[in-house]
Amino acid sequence: MATANPATPGKLAQLAGNPQYSQVRSNLEEMRAALGKVRSRLAEISILLQQSAADTQPPGVADALQFAQTGKVMRRSGQVDELSEEQSTLRVHEDSLRRAIDSATHELQRVEGEASAAAMRELTPRHKALAKLYVAKLVELDALVMEEVRLASELQAAGYSPSFAEWLDWPLVGRIDDPHSLIRQRVKELRAYAG
């Protein structure tokens, strides 16, 4: 008996086609790329500052010697100051980007969750139709098992011992008329779900 599959009608819209999802995802990717560039530049600055520190005497000593000779307080070299300022600014950018990425990630998850919930609401009637079809097939299978029971009873009534090579009845699954069987419990659950 061929039965139409209720799950086939219509095609579900792709999540990537959702404009809100696409926008949040695009923003998130842009921020992640920016964060990568910021971190890369921070690493470069760190290396440059380490090289600068290794090339000269400690700033405190050189500045103190210069002060002793001239009486003027000297600042560190301009390049070191510029790098330190850039490093400080980039650390603020890095922190801001991390917080924005966390926020965008939560927003993306919220949008995905809402879109998934909407898709589930759309597909639930079709899924319930599948559940009804599944229950019908379980009932059909149970009817076959009951037919096997009748065959065995017929053999026994005629004085024979029923010993089929394979039995349709599977004790682990049971039969629908058995109140303790797994199949009865599953049919009950699916009927409640499918309505």
Protein backbone atom coordinates (compact mmCIF):
# COMPACT_ATOMS: atom_id res chain seq x y z
CA MET A 1 0.00 0.00 0.00
CA ALA A 2 1.74 3.19 -1.20
CA THR A 3 1.01 6.26 0.86
CA ALA A 4 1.95 9.83 -0.04
CA ASN A 5 4.69 11.27 2.13
CA PRO A 6 3.34 14.37 3.91
CA ALA A 7 6.87 15.72 4.46
CA THR A 8 7.57 16.45 0.78
CA PRO A 9 5.36 19.48 -0.04
CA GLY A 10 6.99 22.90 -0.27
CA LYS A 11 10.57 23.89 0.23
CA LEU A 12 11.78 25.56 3.39
CA ALA A 13 13.41 28.99 3.02
CA GLN A 14 17.15 29.00 3.69
CA LEU A 15 18.27 30.70 6.90
CA ALA A 16 20.97 32.55 4.93
CA GLY A 17 18.16 34.20 2.95
CA ASN A 18 16.80 35.88 6.10
CA PRO A 19 17.82 39.59 5.76
CA GLN A 20 18.21 40.12 9.52
CA TYR A 21 20.36 37.00 9.84
CA SER A 22 22.48 37.99 6.83
CA GLN A 23 23.04 41.50 8.19
CA VAL A 24 24.05 40.36 11.66
CA ARG A 25 26.31 37.64 10.22
CA SER A 26 27.94 40.11 7.81
CA ASN A 27 28.57 42.60 10.64
CA LEU A 28 30.00 39.82 12.79
CA GLU A 29 32.38 38.69 10.04
CA GLU A 30 33.49 42.28 9.45
CA MET A 31 34.20 42.79 13.16
CA ARG A 32 36.11 39.50 13.38
CA ALA A 33 38.28 40.56 10.43
CA ALA A 34 38.91 43.95 12.06
CA LEU A 35 39.81 42.26 15.34
CA GLY A 36 42.32 40.07 13.50
CA LYS A 37 43.96 43.15 11.99
CA VAL A 38 44.03 44.95 15.35
CA ARG A 39 45.63 41.94 17.05
CA SER A 40 48.15 41.61 14.23
CA ARG A 41 49.18 45.26 14.58
CA LEU A 42 49.37 44.92 18.37
CA ALA A 43 51.77 42.00 17.92
CA GLU A 44 53.90 44.09 15.53
CA ILE A 45 54.02 47.00 17.98
CA SER A 46 54.96 44.68 20.81
CA ILE A 47 57.90 43.37 18.77
CA LEU A 48 58.98 46.90 17.79
CA LEU A 49 58.82 48.09 21.39
CA GLN A 50 60.84 45.09 22.56
CA GLN A 51 63.47 45.78 19.89
CA SER A 52 63.59 49.46 20.84
CA ALA A 53 64.06 48.57 24.51
CA ALA A 54 66.82 46.10 23.68
CA ASP A 55 68.67 48.61 21.44
CA THR A 56 69.04 51.33 24.07
CA GLN A 57 69.72 51.79 27.72
CA PRO A 58 66.65 51.71 29.90
CA PRO A 59 64.77 55.01 29.34
CA GLY A 60 65.10 55.96 32.97
CA VAL A 61 68.91 55.80 32.94
CA ALA A 62 69.39 57.64 29.63
CA ASP A 63 66.90 60.32 30.64
CA ALA A 64 68.54 60.72 34.06
CA LEU A 65 72.01 61.11 32.48
CA GLN A 66 70.66 63.65 30.01
CA PHE A 67 68.97 65.57 32.82
CA ALA A 68 72.21 65.58 34.84
CA GLN A 69 74.11 67.10 31.92
CA THR A 70 71.53 69.59 30.65
CA GLY A 71 69.15 70.19 33.49
CA LYS A 72 66.25 69.48 31.11
CA VAL A 73 63.81 66.60 31.50
CA MET A 74 63.79 64.58 28.27
CA ARG A 75 61.03 62.34 27.02
CA ARG A 76 61.51 59.01 25.35
CA SER A 77 62.12 58.95 21.63
CA GLY A 78 59.18 60.01 19.47
CA GLN A 79 58.84 56.66 17.74
CA VAL A 80 58.51 54.82 21.05
CA ASP A 81 55.93 57.34 22.25
CA GLU A 82 53.95 57.02 19.02
CA LEU A 83 54.03 53.23 19.18
CA SER A 84 52.97 53.24 22.82
CA GLU A 85 50.09 55.58 22.03
CA GLU A 86 49.04 53.48 19.04
CA GLN A 87 49.26 50.36 21.20
CA SER A 88 47.06 51.95 23.84
CA THR A 89 44.50 53.04 21.24
CA LEU A 90 44.49 49.61 19.59
CA ARG A 91 43.93 47.90 22.93
CA VAL A 92 40.82 50.04 23.39
CA HIS A 93 39.71 49.05 19.86
CA GLU A 94 40.42 45.40 20.63
CA ASP A 95 38.33 45.51 23.79
CA SER A 96 35.48 47.33 22.01
CA LEU A 97 35.54 44.84 19.14
CA ARG A 98 35.52 41.86 21.52
CA ARG A 99 32.48 43.24 23.34
CA ALA A 100 30.74 44.05 20.03
CA ILE A 101 31.52 40.55 18.70
CA ASP A 102 30.08 38.98 21.86
CA SER A 103 26.95 41.09 21.47
CA ALA A 104 26.63 40.30 17.75
CA THR A 105 27.16 36.60 18.44
CA HIS A 106 24.29 36.66 20.95
CA GLU A 107 22.16 38.57 18.44
CA LEU A 108 22.99 36.03 15.72
CA GLN A 109 22.01 33.20 18.05
CA ARG A 110 18.76 35.00 18.90
CA VAL A 111 17.93 35.49 15.21
CA GLU A 112 18.81 31.85 14.45
CA GLY A 113 16.62 30.72 17.35
CA GLU A 114 13.66 32.81 16.22
CA ALA A 115 14.06 31.67 12.60
CA SER A 116 14.34 28.04 13.71
CA ALA A 117 11.22 28.39 15.85
CA ALA A 118 9.33 29.89 12.91
CA ALA A 119 10.51 27.07 10.63
CA MET A 120 9.44 24.51 13.23
CA ARG A 121 6.00 26.12 13.48
CA GLU A 122 5.77 25.90 9.69
CA LEU A 123 6.84 22.25 9.56
CA THR A 124 5.01 20.95 12.64
CA PRO A 125 1.73 20.19 10.79
CA ARG A 126 3.66 18.17 8.21
CA HIS A 127 5.61 16.41 10.96
CA LYS A 128 2.38 15.57 12.78
CA ALA A 129 1.04 14.11 9.52
CA LEU A 130 4.16 11.93 9.37
CA ALA A 131 3.57 10.85 12.96
CA LYS A 132 0.00 9.83 12.07
CA LEU A 133 1.29 7.87 9.09
CA TYR A 134 3.92 6.23 11.32
CA VAL A 135 1.25 5.21 13.84
CA ALA A 136 -0.82 3.75 11.01
CA LYS A 137 2.17 1.72 9.85
CA LEU A 138 2.85 0.51 13.41
CA VAL A 139 -0.80 -0.59 13.64
CA GLU A 140 -0.41 -2.39 10.29
CA LEU A 141 2.74 -4.12 11.54
CA ASP A 142 0.96 -5.08 14.74
CA ALA A 143 -1.85 -6.56 12.65
CA LEU A 144 0.72 -8.72 10.86
CA VAL A 145 2.04 -9.93 14.21
CA MET A 146 -1.51 -10.74 15.29
CA GLU A 147 -1.97 -12.71 12.05
CA GLU A 148 1.19 -14.65 12.98
CA VAL A 149 -0.33 -15.37 16.41
CA ARG A 150 -3.46 -16.71 14.69
CA LEU A 151 -1.30 -18.96 12.46
CA ALA A 152 0.53 -20.31 15.50
CA SER A 153 -2.80 -20.89 17.29
CA GLU A 154 -4.13 -22.70 14.23
CA LEU A 155 -1.07 -24.96 14.21
CA GLN A 156 -1.43 -25.65 17.95
CA ALA A 157 -5.17 -26.36 17.58
CA ALA A 158 -4.34 -28.97 14.95
CA GLY A 159 -1.80 -30.57 17.31
CA TYR A 160 1.37 -29.18 15.77
CA SER A 161 4.19 -27.22 17.40
CA PRO A 162 4.66 -23.85 15.74
CA SER A 163 8.38 -23.34 15.08
CA PHE A 164 8.84 -20.79 12.37
CA ALA A 165 12.46 -20.04 11.48
CA GLU A 166 11.82 -16.35 12.22
CA TRP A 167 9.00 -14.87 14.25
CA LEU A 168 7.48 -11.51 13.43
CA ASP A 169 6.64 -10.95 17.06
CA TRP A 170 9.58 -9.29 18.78
CA PRO A 171 9.27 -9.61 22.55
CA LEU A 172 11.29 -6.43 23.17
CA VAL A 173 8.77 -4.39 21.19
CA GLY A 174 5.62 -6.30 22.07
CA ARG A 175 2.15 -5.74 20.68
CA ILE A 176 -0.23 -2.82 20.84
CA ASP A 177 -2.76 -4.75 22.92
CA ASP A 178 -0.13 -5.43 25.60
CA PRO A 179 -0.35 -2.58 28.17
CA HIS A 180 3.35 -2.94 29.07
CA SER A 181 4.81 -3.06 25.56
CA LEU A 182 7.10 -0.45 24.02
CA ILE A 183 5.04 -0.30 20.84
CA ARG A 184 1.87 0.49 22.79
CA GLN A 185 3.67 3.30 24.66
CA ARG A 186 5.09 4.71 21.43
CA VAL A 187 1.72 4.61 19.66
CA LYS A 188 0.13 6.35 22.65
CA GLU A 189 2.81 9.12 22.64
CA LEU A 190 2.59 9.68 18.91
CA ARG A 191 -1.19 9.77 18.89
CA ALA A 192 -1.12 12.39 21.66
CA TYR A 193 1.43 14.44 19.69
CA ALA A 194 -0.22 14.14 16.28
CA GLY A 195 -3.71 14.77 17.57
